[in-house]
Amino acid sequence: MPPTLDIVIVNYNAGDALFSCAASIAGAKDTSFGLRSVVVVDNGSTDGSLYRLGGLDLPLTVLKNGRNEGFGAACNRGAACGRADYVLFLNPDTRLFQDSLRAPLGAFSAPGYEETGICSVRLVDEGGAVRRTCARFPRPVHFILRAFHVGRLFPGPRTTHFMLEWDHGQTRYVDHVMGAFWLMPRRVFEEVGGFDTRFFLYLEDVDFSLRARRLGYRSLYLADASAFHKGGGTSGKVRDLRLYYSLQSRILYGFKHFSQPVAAAAAFFALAVEPFTRLVFAVLRLRFGEAGHTLKAYKKLYAWCLRPGRRK
């Protein structure tokens, strides 16, 4: 029997991108697997992005949250609806190609890749350029140097957990593959326990990858198949919230996976140093709007830090 597949898409005001993503699934269907369901979990969208989905020839289910519940929580809800052998988490700013599903599904049974628990493909932009989406598991030094923007200026294993120095031209195991296209056996998702919903947005996939690795599963980057990914998604429209959730997730990740003293040190640099470096960089580049977004993000972050039980 061919393996079966459920696809989960989390939507939050994705506009026309959601329809393009869902429509591309039809072109990627193949007789080598059975598409059981496409579940769109809507996190309280107000842009009408759901209206066009009804005309698609897909086994479609739409779940509506009354408000934005966060990415991980929405993924967990969508995955719970399916029963297929595999589940694919797909961002709405992606589009599948003909080879986007067949090749990664086959990779789980390919010789030499028996440890694979998570698989992603090569993600490309509008011009066909490869996006560098793989990462190492973050270490404390990565978070601390990020407060000074060192990792972006001098990318490498010692300065950033993003694998920006690698061209992503070969199939290989990595610590983490970006969650925009995230395929895994359902049994792996259930064994790991789904996403930690404390991470509202960002690093929930890295946290999942690390927990999966501790259970003996590895993440495979497959260079022989591809999908389109715009990048930025809908979070680019709310830059202050994007920065707030990024910083919040970094602090949560540190206190979950680092020792308490080290996590506290990393949090100190994020809270006390990084706002000033961000403001300086924004002013030097005459990006005063970016400075405004930084101030709004940190206002939210400080309020969150003062909230009782914020890390529970």
Protein backbone atom coordinates (compact mmCIF):
# COMPACT_ATOMS: atom_id res chain seq x y z
CA MET A 1 0.00 0.00 0.00
CA PRO A 2 1.29 3.50 -0.82
CA PRO A 3 1.90 5.75 2.19
CA THR A 4 -0.78 8.30 3.04
CA LEU A 5 -0.28 12.01 3.71
CA ASP A 6 -2.02 14.79 5.63
CA ILE A 7 -1.04 18.41 4.93
CA VAL A 8 -1.51 21.12 7.57
CA ILE A 9 -1.42 24.81 6.63
CA VAL A 10 -1.67 27.52 9.31
CA ASN A 11 -3.17 30.73 7.94
CA TYR A 12 -3.08 34.20 9.40
CA ASN A 13 -4.07 36.90 6.90
CA ALA A 14 -1.98 35.30 4.14
CA GLY A 15 -4.12 36.81 1.38
CA ASP A 16 -3.78 35.34 -2.10
CA ALA A 17 -0.72 33.36 -1.02
CA LEU A 18 -2.94 30.87 0.79
CA PHE A 19 -4.89 30.04 -2.36
CA SER A 20 -1.68 29.73 -4.41
CA CYS A 21 -0.21 27.38 -1.83
CA ALA A 22 -3.31 25.17 -1.62
CA ALA A 23 -3.76 25.14 -5.41
CA SER A 24 -0.16 23.99 -5.90
CA ILE A 25 -0.84 20.83 -3.90
CA ALA A 26 -2.90 19.37 -6.75
CA GLY A 27 0.08 19.59 -9.10
CA ALA A 28 2.28 17.74 -6.65
CA LYS A 29 -0.04 14.76 -6.15
CA ASP A 30 1.39 11.43 -7.28
CA THR A 31 0.34 7.80 -7.47
CA SER A 32 3.21 6.90 -5.11
CA PHE A 33 1.22 8.20 -2.13
CA GLY A 34 -2.35 8.96 -1.12
CA LEU A 35 -3.36 12.47 -0.08
CA ARG A 36 -5.80 11.93 2.78
CA SER A 37 -6.48 15.52 3.86
CA VAL A 38 -5.47 19.17 3.56
CA VAL A 39 -6.27 20.94 6.83
CA VAL A 40 -6.18 24.74 6.89
CA VAL A 41 -6.15 26.11 10.44
CA ASP A 42 -7.09 29.78 10.41
CA ASN A 43 -5.80 31.86 13.30
CA GLY A 44 -8.48 34.53 13.31
CA SER A 45 -7.79 36.02 9.86
CA THR A 46 -9.71 39.15 8.83
CA ASP A 47 -8.52 39.51 5.22
CA GLY A 48 -10.95 37.09 3.53
CA SER A 49 -8.13 34.72 2.58
CA LEU A 50 -10.32 31.66 3.22
CA TYR A 51 -13.07 32.54 0.74
CA ARG A 52 -11.38 31.23 -2.43
CA LEU A 53 -10.53 27.79 -1.08
CA GLY A 54 -13.94 26.23 -1.69
CA GLY A 55 -13.40 25.71 -5.41
CA LEU A 56 -10.25 23.60 -5.05
CA ASP A 57 -10.32 19.89 -5.88
CA LEU A 58 -8.74 18.82 -2.59
CA PRO A 59 -9.83 16.81 0.47
CA LEU A 60 -10.03 20.13 2.30
CA THR A 61 -10.96 20.87 5.90
CA VAL A 62 -10.96 24.40 7.32
CA LEU A 63 -10.69 24.93 11.08
CA LYS A 64 -11.31 28.42 12.39
CA ASN A 65 -9.80 29.75 15.59
CA GLY A 66 -11.57 32.79 16.98
CA ARG A 67 -8.23 34.50 17.54
CA ASN A 68 -4.57 33.98 16.78
CA GLU A 69 -3.64 30.99 18.93
CA GLY A 70 -0.02 30.89 17.77
CA PHE A 71 1.68 28.77 15.15
CA GLY A 72 2.51 25.69 17.23
CA ALA A 73 -0.95 25.47 18.79
CA ALA A 74 -2.58 25.71 15.36
CA CYS A 75 -0.27 23.03 13.97
CA ASN A 76 -1.16 20.70 16.84
CA ARG A 77 -4.87 21.23 16.19
CA GLY A 78 -4.49 20.59 12.47
CA ALA A 79 -2.40 17.46 12.97
CA ALA A 80 -4.97 16.04 15.40
CA CYS A 81 -7.55 15.98 12.59
CA GLY A 82 -5.65 13.53 10.43
CA ARG A 83 -4.77 9.87 10.59
CA ALA A 84 -2.40 9.50 7.63
CA ASP A 85 1.03 7.86 7.85
CA TYR A 86 2.80 11.18 7.29
CA VAL A 87 2.02 14.79 8.12
CA LEU A 88 3.41 17.80 6.25
CA PHE A 89 3.38 21.24 7.86
CA LEU A 90 3.35 23.81 5.08
CA ASN A 91 3.55 27.59 5.33
CA PRO A 92 0.97 29.52 3.27
CA ASP A 93 3.77 31.48 1.55
CA THR A 94 5.07 28.29 -0.07
CA ARG A 95 4.14 26.66 -3.39
CA LEU A 96 4.78 23.04 -4.28
CA PHE A 97 6.36 21.80 -7.48
CA GLN A 98 5.85 18.42 -9.17
CA ASP A 99 8.70 16.80 -7.20
CA SER A 100 7.98 18.45 -3.86
CA LEU A 101 6.15 15.52 -2.24
CA ARG A 102 7.18 12.30 -3.96
CA ALA A 103 10.92 12.63 -3.29
CA PRO A 104 10.82 13.52 0.43
CA LEU A 105 8.23 10.83 1.17
CA GLY A 106 10.54 8.31 -0.46
CA ALA A 107 13.54 9.56 1.52
CA PHE A 108 12.27 7.99 4.74
CA SER A 109 12.79 4.52 3.32
CA ALA A 110 15.97 5.28 1.34
CA PRO A 111 19.10 3.27 2.27
CA GLY A 112 21.40 5.20 4.56
CA TYR A 113 18.68 7.44 5.97
CA GLU A 114 17.09 5.12 8.49
CA GLU A 115 17.41 7.68 11.30
CA THR A 116 15.33 10.30 9.48
CA GLY A 117 12.47 11.69 11.54
CA ILE A 118 11.98 15.06 9.82
CA CYS A 119 12.55 15.95 6.17
CA SER A 120 12.55 19.20 4.23
CA VAL A 121 13.41 20.12 0.66
CA ARG A 122 15.40 22.84 -1.04
CA LEU A 123 13.44 26.10 -0.74
CA VAL A 124 13.85 28.64 -3.54
CA ASP A 125 12.75 32.24 -4.12
CA GLU A 126 11.03 33.82 -7.14
CA GLY A 127 14.30 33.88 -9.07
CA GLY A 128 15.12 30.26 -8.30
CA ALA A 129 17.88 31.11 -5.82
CA VAL A 130 18.29 28.67 -2.97
CA ARG A 131 17.30 29.97 0.46
CA ARG A 132 19.70 28.96 3.23
CA THR A 133 17.21 27.56 5.68
CA CYS A 134 19.09 24.95 7.73
CA ALA A 135 20.42 25.59 11.19
CA ARG A 136 22.44 24.18 14.05
CA PHE A 137 20.90 23.84 17.47
CA PRO A 138 21.44 27.22 19.13
CA ARG A 139 24.08 27.51 21.81
CA PRO A 140 24.17 30.30 24.40
CA VAL A 141 27.00 32.08 22.58
CA HIS A 142 24.81 32.33 19.46
CA PHE A 143 22.08 34.14 21.38
CA ILE A 144 24.55 36.43 23.14
CA LEU A 145 26.38 37.39 19.94
CA ARG A 146 23.05 37.98 18.25
CA ALA A 147 22.50 40.86 20.65
CA PHE A 148 25.49 42.53 18.96
CA HIS A 149 24.48 41.48 15.40
CA VAL A 150 27.78 39.59 15.09
CA GLY A 151 26.25 36.47 13.52
CA ARG A 152 24.74 38.37 10.60
CA LEU A 153 27.96 40.27 9.93
CA PHE A 154 30.28 37.26 10.28
CA PRO A 155 28.24 34.08 9.74
CA GLY A 156 29.81 30.83 10.86
CA PRO A 157 29.50 28.00 13.39
CA ARG A 158 30.99 30.13 16.17
CA THR A 159 28.79 33.17 15.66
CA THR A 160 25.31 32.04 14.55
CA HIS A 161 23.21 28.89 14.58
CA PHE A 162 21.97 29.63 11.04
CA MET A 163 24.01 27.71 8.45
CA LEU A 164 24.50 30.75 6.22
CA GLU A 165 28.05 29.71 5.31
CA TRP A 166 26.81 26.51 3.58
CA ASP A 167 25.39 26.70 0.04
CA HIS A 168 22.67 24.06 0.71
CA GLY A 169 23.70 22.22 -2.42
CA GLN A 170 23.89 18.67 -1.03
CA THR A 171 21.54 16.27 0.68
CA ARG A 172 22.66 15.76 4.28
CA TYR A 173 21.59 15.46 7.88
CA VAL A 174 21.50 18.74 9.79
CA ASP A 175 20.38 19.71 13.28
CA HIS A 176 17.32 21.56 12.02
CA VAL A 177 15.45 22.17 8.78
CA MET A 178 13.19 25.21 8.55
CA GLY A 179 9.54 24.60 9.40
CA ALA A 180 8.11 26.20 6.23
CA PHE A 181 8.09 22.70 4.66
CA TRP A 182 8.22 20.09 7.40
CA LEU A 183 7.46 16.45 6.68
CA MET A 184 7.51 13.63 9.21
CA PRO A 185 5.89 10.31 10.03
CA ARG A 186 2.85 10.81 12.24
CA ARG A 187 4.32 8.42 14.80
CA VAL A 188 7.32 10.76 15.20
CA PHE A 189 5.09 13.78 15.73
CA GLU A 190 3.11 11.90 18.36
CA GLU A 191 6.17 10.45 20.08
CA VAL A 192 7.81 13.88 20.38
CA GLY A 193 4.53 15.25 21.74
CA GLY A 194 3.75 17.90 19.16
CA PHE A 195 4.77 21.54 19.39
CA ASP A 196 5.37 23.28 22.71
CA THR A 197 2.61 25.90 22.62
CA ARG A 198 4.52 28.27 24.89
CA PHE A 199 6.37 29.29 21.73
CA PHE A 200 3.77 31.51 20.07
CA LEU A 201 5.91 32.05 16.97
CA TYR A 202 9.56 31.25 16.15
CA LEU A 203 11.83 28.51 17.53
CA GLU A 204 8.91 26.15 18.11
CA ASP A 205 10.26 24.09 15.23
CA VAL A 206 13.84 24.20 16.54
CA ASP A 207 12.60 23.10 19.95
CA PHE A 208 10.72 20.21 18.28
CA SER A 209 13.81 19.21 16.27
CA LEU A 210 15.94 19.13 19.41
CA ARG A 211 13.42 17.00 21.29
CA ALA A 212 13.18 14.66 18.29
CA ARG A 213 16.99 14.38 18.14
CA ARG A 214 17.09 13.40 21.80
CA LEU A 215 14.72 10.54 20.94
CA GLY A 216 17.08 9.34 18.20
CA TYR A 217 15.50 11.00 15.15
CA ARG A 218 17.45 13.19 12.72
CA SER A 219 16.50 16.01 10.36
CA LEU A 220 17.23 15.48 6.65
CA TYR A 221 17.74 18.30 4.17
CA LEU A 222 16.89 16.96 0.71
CA ALA A 223 18.61 18.87 -2.09
CA ASP A 224 17.06 16.72 -4.84
CA ALA A 225 13.56 18.19 -4.48
CA SER A 226 12.36 21.76 -4.11
CA ALA A 227 9.49 24.08 -3.25
CA PHE A 228 8.97 27.83 -3.50
CA HIS A 229 9.12 29.89 -0.32
CA LYS A 230 8.57 33.62 -0.27
CA GLY A 231 9.91 34.13 3.25
CA GLY A 232 8.74 36.62 5.86
CA GLY A 233 5.15 35.48 5.37
CA THR A 234 2.47 37.53 7.05
CA SER A 235 4.75 38.44 9.97
CA GLY A 236 6.46 40.99 7.74
CA LYS A 237 3.32 43.11 7.93
CA VAL A 238 3.61 43.48 11.72
CA ARG A 239 7.29 44.02 12.34
CA ASP A 240 7.02 45.02 15.97
CA LEU A 241 5.12 41.82 16.79
CA ARG A 242 7.56 39.75 14.74
CA LEU A 243 10.49 41.09 16.77
CA TYR A 244 8.60 40.69 20.05
CA TYR A 245 7.79 37.03 19.40
CA SER A 246 11.33 36.35 18.20
CA LEU A 247 12.85 37.75 21.39
CA GLN A 248 10.24 36.07 23.57
CA SER A 249 10.93 32.68 21.97
CA ARG A 250 14.66 33.11 22.40
CA ILE A 251 14.23 33.67 26.13
CA LEU A 252 11.84 30.71 26.43
CA TYR A 253 14.23 28.45 24.51
CA GLY A 254 17.14 29.44 26.74
CA PHE A 255 15.33 28.69 29.98
CA LYS A 256 14.08 25.39 28.56
CA HIS A 257 17.35 24.04 27.15
CA PHE A 258 20.22 25.89 28.86
CA SER A 259 21.20 25.91 32.50
CA GLN A 260 19.43 28.56 34.56
CA PRO A 261 22.52 30.83 35.01
CA VAL A 262 23.39 30.64 31.32
CA ALA A 263 19.79 31.24 30.28
CA ALA A 264 19.64 34.26 32.59
CA ALA A 265 22.82 35.66 31.03
CA ALA A 266 21.46 35.22 27.50
CA ALA A 267 18.20 36.87 28.54
CA PHE A 268 20.12 39.80 30.06
CA PHE A 269 21.87 40.51 26.75
CA ALA A 270 18.58 40.26 24.85
CA LEU A 271 16.81 42.58 27.28
CA ALA A 272 19.51 45.07 28.26
CA VAL A 273 21.96 45.21 25.35
CA GLU A 274 20.15 44.29 22.17
CA PRO A 275 17.60 47.14 22.21
CA PHE A 276 20.44 49.66 22.11
CA THR A 277 22.35 47.88 19.33
CA ARG A 278 19.17 47.59 17.29
CA LEU A 279 18.40 51.27 17.72
CA VAL A 280 21.95 52.29 16.80
CA PHE A 281 21.92 50.14 13.65
CA ALA A 282 18.52 51.53 12.64
CA VAL A 283 19.57 55.15 13.10
CA LEU A 284 22.88 54.68 11.29
CA ARG A 285 20.99 53.25 8.30
CA LEU A 286 18.36 56.02 8.56
CA ARG A 287 15.63 53.44 9.13
CA PHE A 288 13.62 55.37 11.67
CA GLY A 289 10.54 53.21 11.16
CA GLU A 290 12.62 50.21 12.20
CA ALA A 291 13.63 52.08 15.36
CA GLY A 292 9.95 52.64 16.12
CA HIS A 293 9.17 48.95 15.66
CA THR A 294 12.03 48.10 18.03
CA LEU A 295 10.68 50.37 20.77
CA LYS A 296 7.17 48.91 20.42
CA ALA A 297 8.51 45.35 20.52
CA TYR A 298 10.54 45.94 23.65
CA LYS A 299 7.63 47.61 25.40
CA LYS A 300 5.65 44.39 24.87
CA LEU A 301 8.62 42.23 25.85
CA TYR A 302 9.24 44.02 29.15
CA ALA A 303 5.55 43.74 29.99
CA TRP A 304 5.69 40.00 29.28
CA CYS A 305 8.79 39.57 31.45
CA LEU A 306 7.00 41.17 34.39
CA ARG A 307 4.00 38.90 34.00
CA PRO A 308 3.77 36.16 36.68
CA GLY A 309 4.28 32.62 35.41
CA ARG A 310 5.44 33.74 31.96
CA ARG A 311 7.60 30.65 31.34
CA LYS A 312 5.13 28.04 32.59
